Amino acid sequence: MIRRRALLAAPALLIPAQAKAQDPWPSRPVRVIVPSAPGDGGDSIARLYAAKLQEAFGQPFPVENRTGAGGRIGTEAAARAAPDGHTLIMGNAGSHGINGAVYRNLPYDLVRDFQPISLLVEAPNVLVVNRKVLDVGSVADLIAHARARPGRLDYASGGVGTSAHLSMELFKSMAGLEMQHVPFRGAANGLQALVSGAPPVMFVNLPPAMAIIQRGELHALAVTSMQRTPDLPDTPTVHESGLPGFETIAWFGLLAPAGTPRPVVDRLHAACVTIASLPETVAAVRRIGGFPRATTPEEFHERVRDDVAKWRRLVAEKNLALE
């Protein structure tokens, strides 16, 4: 966790604090909505950044978990909030990308109804298995096991429409498998069930799974990036394990409701860029298997727009059976 003196020593973080005399924002606590459960990757990253933003701006940045409906409940709450800079959301590849492909009648528009501030973290998903229940040691073993038992192997996810869910749907489509989806309310709950053995397999963002893998409670079969991750150097990619071209990347970033004043957006962006570059932040994010990223609001806007379009094409091309 970043120490107070490290924050106060960062020049870009001092600028927002010095500007408070001219700019009344923030005039009260700034809530940070997380559309997933406590313990998920987005929750951990939100709490990391919220603590540092509080130091930078002198107001609390309380994290508010609004779970359910694959992230739609929290995302809608953020979209409907007053655009005054006192509500933010820690969006992710599911809430602000995949959901735009999965759900045709969202009560908000992921591109028009949000003001991106900065992408913060990218991380691969990882395919994990409880080998006490399902003794497979490779992707090939898993595919063979599932093919021999069509429709009888369950898999978990942190919710319908999450990047981990769509990772498995893509996996099933490319491997020609029939498996049953058991969604949980957040990745942490799905991982807890997996450790207990039911269901025995799932894709999950690497950050919430890293410690469990390191403790040996679950076995990592493969990661979803095109190259191996340095955090699990002996774990192959799905791409190299018999499904060439397979890739899904999770991301997390800070957004505000559309219409939030640009000076507020710029101050938040400047603080996020500085926070992302601090050694303490880099170390904290790398410990959970993520990679710090910082973008301009415009670059992040393009990422959201392109992700929605990409997932829509994928859902259509693969005829993915999403609930």
Protein backbone atom coordinates (compact mmCIF):
# COMPACT_ATOMS: atom_id res chain seq x y z
CA MET A 1 0.00 0.00 0.00
CA ILE A 2 1.32 3.39 -0.92
CA ARG A 3 2.60 5.32 2.05
CA ARG A 4 1.33 8.83 2.70
CA ARG A 5 4.75 10.35 2.19
CA ALA A 6 5.06 8.69 -1.22
CA LEU A 7 1.81 10.26 -2.34
CA LEU A 8 2.67 13.67 -1.00
CA ALA A 9 6.00 13.50 -2.76
CA ALA A 10 4.37 13.00 -6.17
CA PRO A 11 4.16 16.39 -7.95
CA ALA A 12 1.18 15.53 -10.17
CA LEU A 13 -0.81 14.51 -7.11
CA LEU A 14 -0.06 17.81 -5.42
CA ILE A 15 -1.61 19.78 -8.27
CA PRO A 16 -5.22 18.71 -7.61
CA ALA A 17 -4.82 19.42 -3.90
CA GLN A 18 -3.44 22.89 -4.59
CA ALA A 19 -6.31 23.67 -6.97
CA LYS A 20 -9.01 23.10 -4.37
CA ALA A 21 -9.11 26.78 -3.46
CA GLN A 22 -10.20 27.66 -7.01
CA ASP A 23 -12.23 24.52 -7.77
CA PRO A 24 -14.82 23.35 -5.21
CA TRP A 25 -14.60 19.76 -6.44
CA PRO A 26 -14.57 17.50 -4.55
CA SER A 27 -16.89 19.12 -2.03
CA ARG A 28 -17.91 15.81 -0.42
CA PRO A 29 -16.97 12.11 -0.56
CA VAL A 30 -16.59 10.64 -4.05
CA ARG A 31 -18.12 7.17 -4.24
CA VAL A 32 -16.46 4.57 -6.43
CA ILE A 33 -18.97 1.98 -7.63
CA VAL A 34 -17.63 -1.52 -8.26
CA PRO A 35 -20.10 -3.63 -10.29
CA SER A 36 -18.77 -6.86 -8.77
CA ALA A 37 -18.38 -8.52 -5.40
CA PRO A 38 -15.79 -7.81 -2.69
CA GLY A 39 -12.60 -9.74 -3.36
CA ASP A 40 -12.92 -9.65 -7.15
CA GLY A 41 -10.14 -8.17 -9.26
CA GLY A 42 -12.00 -4.91 -9.85
CA ASP A 43 -12.72 -4.55 -6.14
CA SER A 44 -9.06 -4.94 -5.20
CA ILE A 45 -7.95 -2.43 -7.81
CA ALA A 46 -10.71 0.02 -6.85
CA ARG A 47 -9.66 -0.04 -3.20
CA LEU A 48 -6.01 0.41 -4.14
CA TYR A 49 -6.75 3.50 -6.22
CA ALA A 50 -9.47 4.88 -3.92
CA ALA A 51 -7.04 5.08 -1.00
CA LYS A 52 -4.54 7.00 -3.11
CA LEU A 53 -7.14 9.32 -4.62
CA GLN A 54 -8.31 10.13 -1.10
CA GLU A 55 -4.76 11.15 -0.23
CA ALA A 56 -4.53 13.25 -3.38
CA PHE A 57 -7.82 15.14 -3.10
CA GLY A 58 -8.46 15.28 0.65
CA GLN A 59 -11.91 13.68 0.52
CA PRO A 60 -12.96 10.08 1.16
CA PHE A 61 -13.36 7.86 -1.92
CA PRO A 62 -15.59 5.11 -0.46
CA VAL A 63 -15.90 1.93 -2.53
CA GLU A 64 -19.47 0.74 -3.05
CA ASN A 65 -19.99 -2.82 -4.33
CA ARG A 66 -23.17 -2.99 -6.43
CA THR A 67 -23.33 -6.60 -7.53
CA GLY A 68 -25.74 -8.62 -9.63
CA ALA A 69 -26.95 -9.13 -13.21
CA GLY A 70 -23.44 -9.56 -14.58
CA GLY A 71 -22.43 -6.05 -13.54
CA ARG A 72 -25.52 -4.32 -14.96
CA ILE A 73 -26.89 -3.17 -11.59
CA GLY A 74 -23.77 -1.25 -10.61
CA THR A 75 -23.22 0.05 -14.12
CA GLU A 76 -26.77 1.39 -14.37
CA ALA A 77 -26.39 3.08 -10.98
CA ALA A 78 -23.30 4.87 -12.25
CA ALA A 79 -24.93 5.84 -15.55
CA ARG A 80 -27.89 7.39 -13.71
CA ALA A 81 -25.77 9.27 -11.15
CA ALA A 82 -25.42 13.04 -11.27
CA PRO A 83 -22.48 14.01 -13.52
CA ASP A 84 -20.89 16.21 -10.88
CA GLY A 85 -17.70 14.25 -10.29
CA HIS A 86 -18.87 12.67 -7.04
CA THR A 87 -19.68 9.26 -8.54
CA LEU A 88 -17.16 7.10 -10.39
CA ILE A 89 -17.19 3.48 -11.49
CA MET A 90 -14.40 0.92 -11.72
CA GLY A 91 -15.48 -0.56 -15.04
CA ASN A 92 -14.10 -3.74 -16.53
CA ALA A 93 -14.05 -5.71 -19.77
CA GLY A 94 -17.32 -7.37 -18.80
CA SER A 95 -19.33 -4.42 -17.53
CA HIS A 96 -18.12 -2.01 -20.23
CA GLY A 97 -17.43 -4.33 -23.14
CA ILE A 98 -19.00 -7.76 -23.16
CA ASN A 99 -22.34 -6.66 -21.72
CA GLY A 100 -22.82 -4.47 -24.76
CA ALA A 101 -22.74 -7.62 -26.88
CA VAL A 102 -24.60 -9.99 -24.58
CA TYR A 103 -27.57 -7.78 -23.72
CA ARG A 104 -29.50 -6.06 -26.50
CA ASN A 105 -31.74 -3.93 -24.27
CA LEU A 106 -29.43 -2.32 -21.75
CA PRO A 107 -30.98 0.73 -20.04
CA TYR A 108 -27.78 2.67 -20.80
CA ASP A 109 -25.29 3.00 -23.64
CA LEU A 110 -21.74 1.97 -22.77
CA VAL A 111 -20.21 4.45 -25.20
CA ARG A 112 -22.51 7.46 -24.88
CA ASP A 113 -23.45 7.36 -21.18
CA PHE A 114 -19.97 7.27 -19.65
CA GLN A 115 -16.96 9.56 -19.57
CA PRO A 116 -13.79 7.45 -19.50
CA ILE A 117 -10.99 8.74 -17.27
CA SER A 118 -8.19 6.19 -17.64
CA LEU A 119 -7.58 2.53 -18.19
CA LEU A 120 -5.73 1.30 -15.09
CA VAL A 121 -4.94 -2.42 -15.24
CA GLU A 122 -4.87 -5.23 -17.80
CA ALA A 123 -4.64 -8.92 -16.90
CA PRO A 124 -5.13 -12.26 -18.63
CA ASN A 125 -7.75 -14.71 -17.53
CA VAL A 126 -6.60 -18.09 -16.31
CA LEU A 127 -8.20 -21.52 -16.68
CA VAL A 128 -8.15 -23.18 -13.26
CA VAL A 129 -9.25 -26.60 -12.09
CA ASN A 130 -9.66 -28.40 -8.78
CA ARG A 131 -7.62 -31.52 -9.45
CA LYS A 132 -8.96 -33.23 -6.33
CA VAL A 133 -12.28 -33.42 -8.13
CA LEU A 134 -11.30 -33.27 -11.80
CA ASP A 135 -7.87 -34.78 -12.33
CA VAL A 136 -6.82 -33.16 -15.60
CA GLY A 137 -3.36 -31.73 -16.05
CA SER A 138 -3.63 -29.92 -19.37
CA VAL A 139 -6.04 -28.24 -21.75
CA ALA A 140 -5.94 -31.36 -23.93
CA ASP A 141 -6.93 -33.50 -20.93
CA LEU A 142 -9.83 -31.18 -20.13
CA ILE A 143 -11.09 -31.19 -23.70
CA ALA A 144 -10.90 -34.99 -23.87
CA HIS A 145 -12.73 -35.32 -20.54
CA ALA A 146 -15.50 -32.92 -21.59
CA ARG A 147 -15.93 -34.50 -25.03
CA ALA A 148 -16.40 -37.90 -23.43
CA ARG A 149 -19.17 -36.48 -21.20
CA PRO A 150 -21.16 -34.03 -23.35
CA GLY A 151 -23.30 -31.73 -21.24
CA ARG A 152 -22.26 -33.34 -17.97
CA LEU A 153 -19.32 -31.14 -16.94
CA ASP A 154 -20.18 -27.94 -15.08
CA TYR A 155 -18.07 -24.80 -15.12
CA ALA A 156 -18.25 -21.77 -12.85
CA SER A 157 -17.97 -18.06 -13.58
CA GLY A 158 -18.25 -14.80 -11.68
CA GLY A 159 -21.51 -14.02 -13.46
CA VAL A 160 -23.24 -13.98 -16.83
CA GLY A 161 -21.48 -11.68 -19.28
CA THR A 162 -18.16 -11.44 -17.47
CA SER A 163 -14.94 -11.78 -19.43
CA ALA A 164 -14.34 -15.11 -17.69
CA HIS A 165 -17.77 -16.36 -18.77
CA LEU A 166 -17.22 -15.38 -22.38
CA SER A 167 -13.74 -16.91 -22.25
CA MET A 168 -15.32 -20.29 -21.51
CA GLU A 169 -18.02 -19.81 -24.14
CA LEU A 170 -15.30 -19.11 -26.69
CA PHE A 171 -13.33 -22.11 -25.39
CA LYS A 172 -16.39 -24.36 -25.77
CA SER A 173 -17.06 -23.08 -29.26
CA MET A 174 -13.50 -23.52 -30.51
CA ALA A 175 -13.11 -26.97 -28.91
CA GLY A 176 -16.59 -28.22 -29.83
CA LEU A 177 -17.68 -28.88 -26.24
CA GLU A 178 -20.98 -29.01 -24.38
CA MET A 179 -20.63 -27.81 -20.77
CA GLN A 180 -23.09 -26.40 -18.25
CA HIS A 181 -22.66 -22.86 -16.93
CA VAL A 182 -23.02 -22.24 -13.17
CA PRO A 183 -22.75 -18.46 -12.60
CA PHE A 184 -21.89 -17.07 -9.18
CA ARG A 185 -22.24 -13.58 -7.76
CA GLY A 186 -18.67 -12.49 -8.34
CA ALA A 187 -15.39 -14.25 -9.05
CA ALA A 188 -14.56 -14.61 -5.36
CA ASN A 189 -17.69 -16.68 -4.77
CA GLY A 190 -16.99 -18.75 -7.87
CA LEU A 191 -13.44 -19.43 -6.70
CA GLN A 192 -14.68 -20.41 -3.25
CA ALA A 193 -17.05 -22.93 -4.84
CA LEU A 194 -14.25 -24.20 -7.06
CA VAL A 195 -11.97 -24.81 -4.08
CA SER A 196 -14.83 -26.83 -2.57
CA GLY A 197 -15.01 -28.83 -5.79
CA ALA A 198 -18.36 -27.92 -7.32
CA PRO A 199 -18.08 -26.89 -10.11
CA PRO A 200 -14.52 -28.09 -10.71
CA VAL A 201 -13.32 -25.75 -13.47
CA MET A 202 -13.57 -22.10 -14.53
CA PHE A 203 -11.90 -19.21 -16.27
CA VAL A 204 -11.23 -16.29 -13.93
CA ASN A 205 -9.33 -13.01 -13.94
CA LEU A 206 -5.79 -13.68 -12.76
CA PRO A 207 -5.74 -11.07 -9.93
CA PRO A 208 -8.30 -12.75 -7.59
CA ALA A 209 -6.98 -16.24 -8.44
CA MET A 210 -3.25 -15.65 -8.02
CA ALA A 211 -2.95 -16.34 -4.29
CA ILE A 212 -5.16 -19.44 -4.50
CA ILE A 213 -3.02 -20.85 -7.30
CA GLN A 214 0.16 -20.10 -5.38
CA ARG A 215 -1.21 -21.93 -2.32
CA GLY A 216 -1.84 -24.99 -4.47
CA GLU A 217 -5.58 -25.06 -3.86
CA LEU A 218 -6.27 -24.82 -7.59
CA HIS A 219 -4.19 -25.78 -10.62
CA ALA A 220 -3.67 -23.36 -13.51
CA LEU A 221 -4.11 -25.15 -16.84
CA ALA A 222 -3.59 -22.16 -19.15
CA VAL A 223 -3.71 -18.38 -19.48
CA THR A 224 -5.72 -16.51 -22.10
CA SER A 225 -3.07 -14.09 -23.38
CA MET A 226 -1.12 -14.84 -26.56
CA GLN A 227 2.13 -15.03 -24.59
CA ARG A 228 2.80 -16.66 -21.23
CA THR A 229 2.59 -14.37 -18.23
CA PRO A 230 5.73 -13.91 -16.11
CA ASP A 231 3.60 -14.57 -13.03
CA LEU A 232 2.96 -18.16 -14.17
CA PRO A 233 5.91 -18.86 -16.48
CA ASP A 234 5.33 -22.62 -16.53
CA THR A 235 1.65 -22.29 -17.40
CA PRO A 236 1.02 -22.45 -21.15
CA THR A 237 -1.39 -20.29 -23.09
CA VAL A 238 -4.64 -21.69 -24.46
CA HIS A 239 -3.30 -20.58 -27.85
CA GLU A 240 -0.33 -22.94 -27.61
CA SER A 241 -2.39 -25.73 -26.04
CA GLY A 242 -4.38 -26.74 -29.09
CA LEU A 243 -6.70 -23.78 -29.72
CA PRO A 244 -4.61 -21.41 -31.88
CA GLY A 245 -5.76 -17.79 -31.89
CA PHE A 246 -7.54 -18.01 -28.54
CA GLU A 247 -7.13 -14.74 -26.60
CA THR A 248 -9.21 -12.83 -24.05
CA ILE A 249 -7.80 -10.04 -21.88
CA ALA A 250 -9.47 -8.56 -18.82
CA TRP A 251 -9.11 -4.86 -18.08
CA PHE A 252 -10.15 -2.43 -15.36
CA GLY A 253 -10.52 1.33 -15.64
CA LEU A 254 -12.08 4.39 -14.07
CA LEU A 255 -15.10 6.11 -15.63
CA ALA A 256 -17.61 8.79 -14.67
CA PRO A 257 -21.16 9.53 -15.84
CA ALA A 258 -21.30 11.34 -19.19
CA GLY A 259 -21.40 15.09 -18.73
CA THR A 260 -18.94 15.17 -15.85
CA PRO A 261 -17.07 18.51 -16.13
CA ARG A 262 -13.88 18.21 -18.14
CA PRO A 263 -11.74 19.95 -15.49
CA VAL A 264 -12.78 17.25 -13.01
CA VAL A 265 -12.01 14.52 -15.54
CA ASP A 266 -8.60 16.05 -16.23
CA ARG A 267 -7.71 16.26 -12.54
CA LEU A 268 -8.74 12.66 -11.94
CA HIS A 269 -6.83 11.55 -15.03
CA ALA A 270 -3.65 13.35 -13.94
CA ALA A 271 -3.86 11.73 -10.52
CA CYS A 272 -4.46 8.26 -12.00
CA VAL A 273 -1.47 8.57 -14.33
CA THR A 274 0.79 9.51 -11.43
CA ILE A 275 -0.58 6.80 -9.15
CA ALA A 276 -0.14 4.16 -11.86
CA SER A 277 3.55 5.04 -12.19
CA LEU A 278 4.43 4.87 -8.49
CA PRO A 279 6.62 1.87 -7.62
CA GLU A 280 4.23 0.89 -4.83
CA THR A 281 1.31 0.74 -7.25
CA VAL A 282 3.26 -1.24 -9.81
CA ALA A 283 4.32 -3.73 -7.14
CA ALA A 284 0.79 -4.09 -5.76
CA VAL A 285 -0.73 -4.66 -9.20
CA ARG A 286 2.00 -7.09 -10.27
CA ARG A 287 1.55 -9.10 -7.06
CA ILE A 288 -1.97 -9.98 -8.16
CA GLY A 289 -0.97 -10.78 -11.73
CA GLY A 290 -2.03 -7.51 -13.36
CA PHE A 291 -0.14 -5.02 -15.51
CA PRO A 292 -0.52 -1.29 -14.77
CA ARG A 293 -1.78 0.76 -17.70
CA ALA A 294 -2.59 4.46 -18.04
CA THR A 295 -4.32 5.98 -21.05
CA THR A 296 -5.86 9.29 -22.00
CA PRO A 297 -9.64 9.59 -21.66
CA GLU A 298 -9.86 9.55 -25.46
CA GLU A 299 -7.81 6.36 -25.75
CA PHE A 300 -9.94 4.69 -23.09
CA HIS A 301 -13.11 5.80 -24.92
CA GLU A 302 -11.79 4.10 -28.06
CA ARG A 303 -11.01 0.95 -26.07
CA VAL A 304 -14.59 0.74 -24.77
CA ARG A 305 -16.05 1.42 -28.21
CA ASP A 306 -13.80 -1.12 -29.91
CA ASP A 307 -14.39 -3.76 -27.24
CA VAL A 308 -18.17 -3.51 -27.57
CA ALA A 309 -17.85 -3.90 -31.34
CA LYS A 310 -15.37 -6.78 -31.02
CA TRP A 311 -17.53 -8.77 -28.62
CA ARG A 312 -20.63 -8.21 -30.75
CA ARG A 313 -18.79 -9.66 -33.74
CA LEU A 314 -17.54 -12.58 -31.66
CA VAL A 315 -20.97 -13.42 -30.26
CA ALA A 316 -22.43 -13.35 -33.77
CA GLU A 317 -19.60 -15.25 -35.46
CA LYS A 318 -19.35 -18.01 -32.85
CA ASN A 319 -23.11 -18.19 -32.18
CA LEU A 320 -22.30 -18.25 -28.49
CA ALA A 321 -25.12 -19.49 -26.28
CA LEU A 322 -25.28 -16.79 -23.63
CA GLU A 323 -28.07 -16.67 -21.07
